[in-house]
C-alpha atoms as a PDB file:
ATOM      1  CA  MET A   1     135.198  74.131 103.867  1.00  0.00           C
ATOM      2  CA  LYS A   2     132.792  71.274 104.610  1.00  0.00           C
ATOM      3  CA  THR A   3     135.393  69.703 106.917  1.00  0.00           C
ATOM      4  CA  LEU A   4     135.741  72.969 108.809  1.00  0.00           C
ATOM      5  CA  LYS A   5     131.955  73.148 109.312  1.00  0.00           C
ATOM      6  CA  VAL A   6     131.916  69.584 110.635  1.00  0.00           C
ATOM      7  CA  VAL A   7     134.784  70.314 113.025  1.00  0.00           C
ATOM      8  CA  LEU A   8     133.138  73.511 114.276  1.00  0.00           C
ATOM      9  CA  PHE A   9     129.811  71.741 114.735  1.00  0.00           C
ATOM     10  CA  GLY A  10     131.564  68.972 116.678  1.00  0.00           C
ATOM     11  CA  LEU A  11     133.252  71.502 118.951  1.00  0.00           C
ATOM     12  CA  ALA A  12     130.008  73.365 119.559  1.00  0.00           C
ATOM     13  CA  LEU A  13     128.183  70.123 120.319  1.00  0.00           C
ATOM     14  CA  SER A  14     130.921  69.028 122.702  1.00  0.00           C
ATOM     15  CA  LEU A  15     130.841  72.334 124.560  1.00  0.00           C
ATOM     16  CA  SER A  16     127.043  72.257 124.759  1.00  0.00           C
ATOM     17  CA  LEU A  17     127.018  68.741 126.169  1.00  0.00           C
ATOM     18  CA  GLN A  18     129.686  69.616 128.714  1.00  0.00           C
ATOM     19  CA  SER A  19     127.811  72.652 129.918  1.00  0.00           C
ATOM     20  CA  GLY A  20     124.435  70.863 129.922  1.00  0.00           C
ATOM     21  CA  HIS A  21     122.713  73.509 127.813  1.00  0.00           C
ATOM     22  CA  LEU A  22     121.992  71.470 124.705  1.00  0.00           C
ATOM     23  CA  LEU A  23     119.091  69.525 126.200  1.00  0.00           C
ATOM     24  CA  ALA A  24     117.477  72.594 127.755  1.00  0.00           C
ATOM     25  CA  ALA A  25     117.605  74.501 124.481  1.00  0.00           C
ATOM     26  CA  TYR A  26     116.038  71.728 122.429  1.00  0.00           C
ATOM     27  CA  GLU A  27     112.275  71.423 122.147  1.00  0.00           C
ATOM     28  CA  TYR A  28     110.449  68.489 120.597  1.00  0.00           C
ATOM     29  CA  ASN A  29     107.726  68.601 117.967  1.00  0.00           C
ATOM     30  CA  THR A  30     104.355  69.639 119.345  1.00  0.00           C
ATOM     31  CA  VAL A  31     102.046  66.729 120.055  1.00  0.00           C
ATOM     32  CA  PRO A  32      98.595  67.000 118.437  1.00  0.00           C
ATOM     33  CA  GLY A  33      96.072  67.980 121.114  1.00  0.00           C
ATOM     34  CA  ASP A  34      93.785  65.076 120.321  1.00  0.00           C
ATOM     35  CA  ASP A  35      96.477  62.381 120.609  1.00  0.00           C
ATOM     36  CA  ALA A  36      95.130  59.638 122.890  1.00  0.00           C
ATOM     37  CA  GLN A  37      98.573  58.269 123.802  1.00  0.00           C
ATOM     38  CA  TYR A  38      99.750  61.686 124.958  1.00  0.00           C
ATOM     39  CA  ARG A  39      96.583  62.340 126.999  1.00  0.00           C
ATOM     40  CA  GLN A  40      96.883  58.899 128.601  1.00  0.00           C
ATOM     41  CA  CYS A  41     100.538  59.581 129.442  1.00  0.00           C
ATOM     42  CA  LYS A  42      99.715  62.919 131.088  1.00  0.00           C
ATOM     43  CA  SER A  43      96.869  61.425 133.101  1.00  0.00           C
ATOM     44  CA  TYR A  44      98.943  58.478 134.321  1.00  0.00           C
ATOM     45  CA  SER A  45     101.958  60.681 135.080  1.00  0.00           C
ATOM     46  CA  MET A  46      99.929  63.171 137.089  1.00  0.00           C
ATOM     47  CA  THR A  47      98.436  60.446 139.290  1.00  0.00           C
ATOM     48  CA  ARG A  48     101.516  58.204 139.539  1.00  0.00           C
ATOM     49  CA  TRP A  49     104.278  60.686 140.374  1.00  0.00           C
ATOM     50  CA  GLU A  50     104.459  63.899 142.398  1.00  0.00           C
ATOM     51  CA  GLY A  51     105.271  67.289 140.905  1.00  0.00           C
ATOM     52  CA  GLY A  52     103.862  66.781 137.426  1.00  0.00           C
ATOM     53  CA  GLY A  53     101.964  70.048 137.552  1.00  0.00           C
ATOM     54  CA  GLU A  54     105.081  72.092 138.311  1.00  0.00           C
ATOM     55  CA  LEU A  55     106.583  74.177 135.519  1.00  0.00           C
ATOM     56  CA  SER A  56     109.235  72.513 133.388  1.00  0.00           C
ATOM     57  CA  PRO A  57     112.102  74.310 131.644  1.00  0.00           C
ATOM     58  CA  ILE A  58     110.030  74.092 128.442  1.00  0.00           C
ATOM     59  CA  SER A  59     107.988  77.229 127.934  1.00  0.00           C
ATOM     60  CA  GLY A  60     104.292  76.711 128.608  1.00  0.00           C
ATOM     61  CA  GLN A  61     104.601  73.064 129.698  1.00  0.00           C
ATOM     62  CA  SER A  62     104.289  71.381 133.055  1.00  0.00           C
ATOM     63  CA  LYS A  63     106.789  68.676 133.938  1.00  0.00           C
ATOM     64  CA  ALA A  64     104.232  65.981 133.042  1.00  0.00           C
ATOM     65  CA  GLU A  65     103.522  67.630 129.676  1.00  0.00           C
ATOM     66  CA  ALA A  66     107.219  67.966 128.844  1.00  0.00           C
ATOM     67  CA  PHE A  67     107.908  64.388 129.978  1.00  0.00           C
ATOM     68  CA  CYS A  68     105.086  62.988 127.832  1.00  0.00           C
ATOM     69  CA  THR A  69     106.034  65.176 124.867  1.00  0.00           C
ATOM     70  CA  CYS A  70     109.539  63.734 125.043  1.00  0.00           C
ATOM     71  CA  LEU A  71     108.240  60.161 125.301  1.00  0.00           C
ATOM     72  CA  TRP A  72     105.829  60.723 122.417  1.00  0.00           C
ATOM     73  CA  ASN A  73     108.604  62.077 120.199  1.00  0.00           C
ATOM     74  CA  GLU A  74     111.243  59.499 121.171  1.00  0.00           C
ATOM     75  CA  THR A  75     109.193  56.330 120.703  1.00  0.00           C
ATOM     76  CA  PRO A  76     108.897  54.814 117.223  1.00  0.00           C
ATOM     77  CA  GLU A  77     105.965  55.894 115.041  1.00  0.00           C
ATOM     78  CA  ASP A  78     104.423  52.430 115.282  1.00  0.00           C
ATOM     79  CA  PHE A  79     104.533  52.290 119.104  1.00  0.00           C
ATOM     80  CA  ARG A  80     100.967  51.800 120.311  1.00  0.00           C
ATOM     81  CA  GLY A  81     101.509  51.115 124.010  1.00  0.00           C
ATOM     82  CA  ASP A  82     101.190  53.262 127.116  1.00  0.00           C
ATOM     83  CA  LEU A  83     104.047  55.774 127.018  1.00  0.00           C
ATOM     84  CA  ALA A  84     104.365  56.386 130.763  1.00  0.00           C
ATOM     85  CA  LYS A  85     104.113  52.700 131.662  1.00  0.00           C
ATOM     86  CA  PHE A  86     106.713  51.909 128.997  1.00  0.00           C
ATOM     87  CA  SER A  87     109.108  54.356 130.687  1.00  0.00           C
ATOM     88  CA  GLU A  88     108.882  52.196 133.832  1.00  0.00           C
ATOM     89  CA  THR A  89     109.999  49.000 132.069  1.00  0.00           C
ATOM     90  CA  ASP A  90     113.536  47.753 131.584  1.00  0.00           C
ATOM     91  CA  ALA A  91     113.248  48.523 127.860  1.00  0.00           C
ATOM     92  CA  GLY A  92     112.116  52.089 128.567  1.00  0.00           C
ATOM     93  CA  ARG A  93     114.593  52.906 131.340  1.00  0.00           C
ATOM     94  CA  ALA A  94     117.038  54.813 129.108  1.00  0.00           C
ATOM     95  CA  LEU A  95     114.204  56.803 127.574  1.00  0.00           C
ATOM     96  CA  ASP A  96     112.869  57.583 131.063  1.00  0.00           C
ATOM     97  CA  LYS A  97     116.249  59.130 131.957  1.00  0.00           C
ATOM     98  CA  VAL A  98     116.279  61.273 128.811  1.00  0.00           C
ATOM     99  CA  CYS A  99     112.723  62.497 129.293  1.00  0.00           C
ATOM    100  CA  SER A 100     113.129  63.076 133.039  1.00  0.00           C
ATOM    101  CA  LYS A 101     116.122  65.260 132.306  1.00  0.00           C
ATOM    102  CA  TYR A 102     114.279  67.061 129.499  1.00  0.00           C
ATOM    103  CA  SER A 103     111.344  67.859 131.773  1.00  0.00           C
ATOM    104  CA  ASN A 104     113.540  68.505 134.841  1.00  0.00           C
ATOM    105  CA  TRP A 105     111.493  65.901 136.678  1.00  0.00           C
ATOM    106  CA  GLY A 106     112.982  63.173 138.806  1.00  0.00           C
ATOM    107  CA  ASP A 107     116.177  62.426 140.633  1.00  0.00           C
END
């Protein structure tokens, strides 16, 4: 029975990835409102790139908020740097792609 569940989960995941709906349906943990890293990310994102104030696919979040929420959740707990600036580095490039897609912001 456990094998059947694993197979069914794998099929569902495969179909979701192929149709592109998995990412849109997923929402990250809510960032605490007083988090300095998150506020810094939103501020930098809104002044650095166009369209950050537009609505994202995530209910109640702008594209900048969704982008920074994704970055905040995807970086390690001990990361203390600037989230948005990190996304512009070679090391953060893959994460930038994930979070741009999550927020529907970018190319």
